[in-house]
Amino acid sequence: MRALRTYDDWKHCITELCKVPLTQDYVALRLKELRDVQNHDTKKFVSSWGEAHRQQVVAWFEQAEIELSQG
């Protein structure tokens, strides 16, 4: 898999390759989990991908949240 460098790369990976719809509920859940650095799944994510990538993914989910709120 190629590196996810932009929001569009990330969104394509989530929605097209993984077939996961970016719904308000899904985005809210992932943001809650990824913002909680004590969450078991978040710790596994950071262990695999690193803290900088976690922060980037949070920013991308925040961007998706904004898009969803705008209709």
Foldseek 3Di string as FASTA:
>chain_A
DDDDDDLVSVVCCQCPVVVHDLDLVVLVVLLVQLVPCVRPVNVVCCVVPNPVVSVVVNVSSVVSNVVNVVD
